[in-house]
N, C-alpha and C. Protein backbone atom coordinates (compact mmCIF):
# COMPACT_ATOMS: atom_id res chain seq x y z
N SER A 1 10.65 15.62 0.41
CA SER A 1 10.16 15.09 -0.83
C SER A 1 11.33 14.87 -1.78
N GLN A 2 11.16 13.91 -2.64
CA GLN A 2 12.24 13.52 -3.55
C GLN A 2 11.89 13.94 -4.97
N ALA A 3 12.87 14.47 -5.70
CA ALA A 3 12.67 14.89 -7.08
C ALA A 3 12.38 13.69 -7.97
N ARG A 4 11.49 13.87 -8.93
CA ARG A 4 11.16 12.82 -9.89
C ARG A 4 11.73 13.19 -11.24
N THR A 5 12.21 12.22 -11.97
CA THR A 5 12.65 12.43 -13.33
C THR A 5 11.72 11.67 -14.25
N LEU A 6 11.11 12.36 -15.18
CA LEU A 6 10.20 11.72 -16.12
C LEU A 6 10.97 11.25 -17.34
N ALA A 7 10.64 10.05 -17.79
CA ALA A 7 11.25 9.53 -19.02
C ALA A 7 10.68 10.30 -20.20
N THR A 8 11.50 10.57 -21.19
CA THR A 8 11.02 11.26 -22.39
C THR A 8 10.12 10.32 -23.17
N PRO A 9 8.89 10.74 -23.47
CA PRO A 9 7.98 9.89 -24.22
C PRO A 9 8.48 9.65 -25.65
N ASP A 10 8.05 8.56 -26.22
CA ASP A 10 8.36 8.21 -27.61
C ASP A 10 7.07 8.39 -28.41
N ALA A 11 7.11 9.24 -29.43
CA ALA A 11 5.91 9.51 -30.22
C ALA A 11 5.33 8.22 -30.80
N GLY A 12 6.19 7.31 -31.23
CA GLY A 12 5.71 6.04 -31.79
C GLY A 12 4.95 5.21 -30.78
N ALA A 13 5.40 5.24 -29.53
CA ALA A 13 4.73 4.48 -28.48
C ALA A 13 3.38 5.10 -28.11
N LEU A 14 3.19 6.37 -28.44
CA LEU A 14 1.92 7.04 -28.15
C LEU A 14 0.89 6.87 -29.26
N ALA A 15 1.26 6.20 -30.34
CA ALA A 15 0.33 6.03 -31.46
C ALA A 15 -0.98 5.42 -30.97
N GLY A 16 -2.07 6.04 -31.37
CA GLY A 16 -3.40 5.58 -30.97
C GLY A 16 -4.38 6.73 -31.00
N ARG A 17 -5.60 6.47 -30.57
CA ARG A 17 -6.66 7.48 -30.57
C ARG A 17 -6.89 7.96 -29.14
N TYR A 18 -7.07 9.28 -29.01
CA TYR A 18 -7.27 9.91 -27.71
C TYR A 18 -8.49 10.82 -27.75
N VAL A 19 -9.11 11.01 -26.59
CA VAL A 19 -10.24 11.92 -26.43
C VAL A 19 -9.90 12.93 -25.35
N VAL A 20 -10.21 14.20 -25.61
CA VAL A 20 -10.04 15.26 -24.61
C VAL A 20 -11.39 15.89 -24.33
N ARG A 21 -11.55 16.40 -23.12
CA ARG A 21 -12.76 17.13 -22.74
C ARG A 21 -12.43 18.61 -22.79
N LEU A 22 -13.23 19.38 -23.52
CA LEU A 22 -13.03 20.82 -23.66
C LEU A 22 -13.71 21.57 -22.52
N SER A 23 -13.37 22.85 -22.36
CA SER A 23 -13.89 23.63 -21.25
C SER A 23 -15.41 23.78 -21.28
N ASP A 24 -16.03 23.66 -22.46
CA ASP A 24 -17.49 23.76 -22.55
C ASP A 24 -18.18 22.43 -22.29
N GLY A 25 -17.40 21.40 -21.95
CA GLY A 25 -17.95 20.09 -21.65
C GLY A 25 -18.02 19.15 -22.83
N SER A 26 -17.80 19.65 -24.04
CA SER A 26 -17.81 18.78 -25.22
C SER A 26 -16.49 18.01 -25.30
N ALA A 27 -16.47 17.02 -26.17
CA ALA A 27 -15.28 16.20 -26.33
C ALA A 27 -14.76 16.32 -27.76
N ALA A 28 -13.47 16.10 -27.92
CA ALA A 28 -12.86 16.04 -29.24
C ALA A 28 -11.90 14.85 -29.25
N ASP A 29 -11.79 14.22 -30.38
CA ASP A 29 -10.87 13.08 -30.48
C ASP A 29 -9.81 13.35 -31.54
N PHE A 30 -8.69 12.66 -31.40
CA PHE A 30 -7.61 12.78 -32.37
C PHE A 30 -6.73 11.55 -32.27
N PRO A 31 -6.29 11.04 -33.41
CA PRO A 31 -5.28 9.99 -33.39
C PRO A 31 -3.88 10.61 -33.45
N ILE A 32 -2.95 9.94 -32.82
CA ILE A 32 -1.52 10.25 -32.96
C ILE A 32 -0.92 9.11 -33.77
N GLY A 33 -0.28 9.44 -34.87
CA GLY A 33 0.36 8.44 -35.70
C GLY A 33 1.74 8.07 -35.16
N ALA A 34 2.29 6.97 -35.62
CA ALA A 34 3.62 6.53 -35.19
C ALA A 34 4.69 7.56 -35.54
N ASP A 35 4.40 8.44 -36.50
CA ASP A 35 5.35 9.48 -36.89
C ASP A 35 5.20 10.75 -36.06
N GLY A 36 4.27 10.74 -35.07
CA GLY A 36 4.06 11.90 -34.22
C GLY A 36 3.07 12.90 -34.79
N ARG A 37 2.44 12.57 -35.89
CA ARG A 37 1.45 13.48 -36.48
C ARG A 37 0.11 13.31 -35.77
N ILE A 38 -0.50 14.44 -35.42
CA ILE A 38 -1.82 14.47 -34.80
C ILE A 38 -2.82 14.87 -35.89
N THR A 39 -3.85 14.06 -36.09
CA THR A 39 -4.85 14.36 -37.11
C THR A 39 -6.22 14.47 -36.45
N ALA A 40 -7.09 15.26 -37.05
CA ALA A 40 -8.42 15.48 -36.49
C ALA A 40 -9.25 14.22 -36.55
N GLY A 41 -9.98 13.95 -35.48
CA GLY A 41 -10.90 12.83 -35.43
C GLY A 41 -12.27 13.23 -35.95
N ALA A 42 -13.23 12.36 -35.76
CA ALA A 42 -14.57 12.59 -36.29
C ALA A 42 -15.63 12.71 -35.20
N LEU A 43 -15.23 12.77 -33.93
CA LEU A 43 -16.17 12.75 -32.82
C LEU A 43 -16.97 14.05 -32.68
N SER A 44 -16.35 15.17 -32.99
CA SER A 44 -17.02 16.45 -32.74
C SER A 44 -16.61 17.48 -33.79
N PRO A 45 -17.29 18.62 -33.80
CA PRO A 45 -16.90 19.70 -34.71
C PRO A 45 -15.52 20.28 -34.39
N CYS A 46 -15.04 20.10 -33.15
CA CYS A 46 -13.70 20.56 -32.77
C CYS A 46 -12.67 19.65 -33.43
N ARG A 47 -11.80 20.25 -34.23
CA ARG A 47 -10.80 19.47 -34.97
C ARG A 47 -9.41 19.86 -34.51
N LEU A 48 -8.73 18.93 -33.85
CA LEU A 48 -7.37 19.13 -33.38
C LEU A 48 -6.40 18.43 -34.31
N SER A 49 -5.32 19.11 -34.65
CA SER A 49 -4.28 18.51 -35.50
C SER A 49 -2.95 19.12 -35.10
N GLY A 50 -1.87 18.55 -35.61
CA GLY A 50 -0.56 19.10 -35.29
C GLY A 50 0.52 18.06 -35.39
N SER A 51 1.58 18.28 -34.61
CA SER A 51 2.72 17.36 -34.66
C SER A 51 3.47 17.35 -33.34
N LEU A 52 4.18 16.25 -33.14
CA LEU A 52 5.05 16.05 -31.98
C LEU A 52 6.47 15.88 -32.47
N ALA A 53 7.44 16.35 -31.68
CA ALA A 53 8.85 16.21 -32.03
C ALA A 53 9.66 16.12 -30.75
N GLY A 54 10.91 15.70 -30.89
CA GLY A 54 11.80 15.64 -29.74
C GLY A 54 11.90 17.01 -29.07
N ASN A 55 12.26 16.98 -27.79
CA ASN A 55 12.31 18.22 -27.02
C ASN A 55 13.42 18.10 -25.99
N SER A 56 14.03 19.22 -25.63
CA SER A 56 15.11 19.20 -24.64
C SER A 56 14.60 19.16 -23.21
N LEU A 57 13.32 19.47 -22.99
CA LEU A 57 12.74 19.43 -21.66
C LEU A 57 12.43 17.98 -21.29
N PRO A 58 13.03 17.44 -20.23
CA PRO A 58 12.81 16.03 -19.88
C PRO A 58 11.33 15.70 -19.68
N GLY A 59 10.94 14.52 -20.11
CA GLY A 59 9.58 14.05 -19.92
C GLY A 59 8.56 14.64 -20.87
N THR A 60 9.01 15.33 -21.91
CA THR A 60 8.08 15.97 -22.82
C THR A 60 8.44 15.75 -24.28
N LEU A 61 7.48 15.99 -25.13
CA LEU A 61 7.70 16.12 -26.56
C LEU A 61 7.23 17.52 -26.96
N ALA A 62 7.91 18.15 -27.90
CA ALA A 62 7.47 19.45 -28.41
C ALA A 62 6.14 19.25 -29.14
N LEU A 63 5.22 20.18 -28.94
CA LEU A 63 3.88 20.10 -29.48
C LEU A 63 3.58 21.33 -30.33
N LYS A 64 3.11 21.09 -31.53
CA LYS A 64 2.54 22.13 -32.39
C LYS A 64 1.09 21.72 -32.56
N LEU A 65 0.16 22.53 -32.06
CA LEU A 65 -1.25 22.16 -32.05
C LEU A 65 -2.08 23.20 -32.80
N ASP A 66 -2.89 22.73 -33.74
CA ASP A 66 -3.81 23.57 -34.47
C ASP A 66 -5.23 23.13 -34.11
N SER A 67 -6.14 24.09 -34.01
CA SER A 67 -7.52 23.74 -33.71
C SER A 67 -8.46 24.55 -34.59
N ALA A 68 -9.61 23.95 -34.88
CA ALA A 68 -10.66 24.62 -35.64
C ALA A 68 -12.00 24.20 -35.06
N GLY A 69 -12.87 25.16 -34.83
CA GLY A 69 -14.19 24.85 -34.28
C GLY A 69 -14.15 24.42 -32.83
N CYS A 70 -13.14 24.89 -32.09
CA CYS A 70 -12.94 24.44 -30.71
C CYS A 70 -13.18 25.54 -29.69
N GLY A 71 -14.09 26.45 -29.97
CA GLY A 71 -14.45 27.48 -29.00
C GLY A 71 -13.28 28.37 -28.64
N ALA A 72 -12.94 28.40 -27.36
CA ALA A 72 -11.93 29.33 -26.84
C ALA A 72 -10.48 28.89 -27.09
N LEU A 73 -10.28 27.70 -27.64
CA LEU A 73 -8.90 27.27 -27.90
C LEU A 73 -8.29 28.13 -29.00
N PRO A 74 -7.00 28.47 -28.86
CA PRO A 74 -6.35 29.23 -29.94
C PRO A 74 -6.26 28.39 -31.22
N GLY A 75 -6.29 29.07 -32.36
CA GLY A 75 -6.20 28.37 -33.64
C GLY A 75 -4.87 27.67 -33.84
N SER A 76 -3.82 28.21 -33.25
CA SER A 76 -2.49 27.62 -33.36
C SER A 76 -1.73 27.90 -32.07
N ALA A 77 -1.11 26.87 -31.52
CA ALA A 77 -0.38 27.02 -30.26
C ALA A 77 0.83 26.11 -30.25
N ASN A 78 1.84 26.50 -29.50
CA ASN A 78 3.06 25.69 -29.33
C ASN A 78 3.24 25.38 -27.86
N GLY A 79 3.75 24.20 -27.56
CA GLY A 79 3.97 23.82 -26.17
C GLY A 79 4.58 22.44 -26.07
N VAL A 80 4.06 21.66 -25.13
CA VAL A 80 4.61 20.33 -24.89
C VAL A 80 3.50 19.31 -24.65
N LEU A 81 3.80 18.07 -24.95
CA LEU A 81 3.00 16.92 -24.55
C LEU A 81 3.74 16.28 -23.40
N VAL A 82 3.03 16.00 -22.32
CA VAL A 82 3.63 15.41 -21.12
C VAL A 82 2.96 14.06 -20.85
N VAL A 83 3.75 13.06 -20.52
CA VAL A 83 3.22 11.79 -20.06
C VAL A 83 3.72 11.62 -18.62
N ASP A 84 2.77 11.63 -17.68
CA ASP A 84 3.12 11.55 -16.26
C ASP A 84 2.07 10.70 -15.56
N ALA A 85 2.50 9.68 -14.84
CA ALA A 85 1.58 8.80 -14.13
C ALA A 85 0.70 9.57 -13.15
N LEU A 86 1.14 10.72 -12.69
CA LEU A 86 0.33 11.52 -11.75
C LEU A 86 -0.90 12.11 -12.42
N ASP A 87 -0.95 12.12 -13.75
CA ASP A 87 -2.12 12.61 -14.47
C ASP A 87 -3.16 11.52 -14.71
N ALA A 88 -2.89 10.29 -14.27
CA ALA A 88 -3.81 9.17 -14.48
C ALA A 88 -5.18 9.51 -13.88
N PRO A 89 -6.24 9.12 -14.53
CA PRO A 89 -6.31 8.13 -15.61
C PRO A 89 -6.00 8.67 -17.00
N ALA A 90 -5.69 9.97 -17.11
CA ALA A 90 -5.30 10.50 -18.42
C ALA A 90 -4.00 9.85 -18.87
N SER A 91 -3.90 9.61 -20.17
CA SER A 91 -2.69 9.02 -20.74
C SER A 91 -1.64 10.06 -21.07
N LEU A 92 -2.10 11.29 -21.34
CA LEU A 92 -1.17 12.36 -21.72
C LEU A 92 -1.81 13.71 -21.43
N ARG A 93 -0.97 14.73 -21.47
CA ARG A 93 -1.45 16.10 -21.23
C ARG A 93 -0.85 17.01 -22.28
N LEU A 94 -1.68 17.85 -22.86
CA LEU A 94 -1.25 18.82 -23.85
C LEU A 94 -1.23 20.19 -23.19
N LEU A 95 -0.06 20.82 -23.13
CA LEU A 95 0.11 22.14 -22.55
C LEU A 95 0.72 23.05 -23.61
N ALA A 96 0.01 24.12 -23.97
CA ALA A 96 0.49 24.99 -25.04
C ALA A 96 -0.11 26.38 -24.88
N ASP A 97 0.41 27.32 -25.66
CA ASP A 97 -0.16 28.67 -25.69
C ASP A 97 0.17 29.33 -27.02
N ASP A 98 -0.56 30.41 -27.28
CA ASP A 98 -0.32 31.19 -28.49
C ASP A 98 0.20 32.59 -28.15
N GLY A 99 0.67 32.76 -26.91
CA GLY A 99 1.13 34.06 -26.46
C GLY A 99 0.05 34.84 -25.72
N GLU A 100 -1.19 34.41 -25.87
CA GLU A 100 -2.32 35.07 -25.21
C GLU A 100 -3.20 34.10 -24.45
N ARG A 101 -3.50 32.97 -25.08
CA ARG A 101 -4.39 31.97 -24.47
C ARG A 101 -3.62 30.67 -24.26
N THR A 102 -4.02 29.94 -23.23
CA THR A 102 -3.36 28.68 -22.93
C THR A 102 -4.26 27.50 -23.28
N VAL A 103 -3.60 26.37 -23.49
CA VAL A 103 -4.27 25.10 -23.72
C VAL A 103 -3.77 24.16 -22.64
N ASP A 104 -4.68 23.52 -21.94
CA ASP A 104 -4.34 22.50 -20.94
C ASP A 104 -5.39 21.41 -21.07
N LEU A 105 -5.07 20.38 -21.84
CA LEU A 105 -6.00 19.30 -22.12
C LEU A 105 -5.42 17.96 -21.69
N ARG A 106 -6.22 17.14 -21.06
CA ARG A 106 -5.80 15.79 -20.71
C ARG A 106 -6.41 14.82 -21.72
N GLY A 107 -5.55 13.97 -22.29
CA GLY A 107 -6.00 13.01 -23.30
C GLY A 107 -6.16 11.63 -22.72
N TYR A 108 -7.29 11.02 -22.99
CA TYR A 108 -7.61 9.69 -22.51
C TYR A 108 -7.58 8.71 -23.69
N ALA A 109 -6.84 7.65 -23.55
CA ALA A 109 -6.69 6.68 -24.63
C ALA A 109 -8.02 5.97 -24.90
N GLU A 110 -8.33 5.83 -26.18
CA GLU A 110 -9.50 5.08 -26.61
C GLU A 110 -9.03 3.68 -26.96
N PRO A 111 -9.79 2.67 -26.57
CA PRO A 111 -9.38 1.31 -26.93
C PRO A 111 -9.41 1.10 -28.44
N ALA A 112 -8.48 0.32 -28.93
CA ALA A 112 -8.44 0.00 -30.37
C ALA A 112 -9.64 -0.87 -30.71
N VAL A 113 -10.23 -0.61 -31.87
CA VAL A 113 -11.39 -1.41 -32.30
C VAL A 113 -11.08 -2.20 -33.53
């Protein structure tokens, strides 16, 4: 097998609205702004927010994720956003933890309206 190198994502290129499926089967949405800011959407009571920044780990952006009303998700977690074609049809993956609980969410791009 051959090693793969992932290109580092650009927060501006990720700007748009995404939907994730939570472990209880409900969905939550969030837009990512061109500045890398994640803001809570209006789809569900689960509100995800946070920010993206450059990261030294190839193929990732640093992720600061806050959640409210999201069941078992930690209220605040740090980790990475990954963009990898192997996660398709998901557009991105959020991997984070708060030292006790982990977050592993796949984000699916919503078409612009």
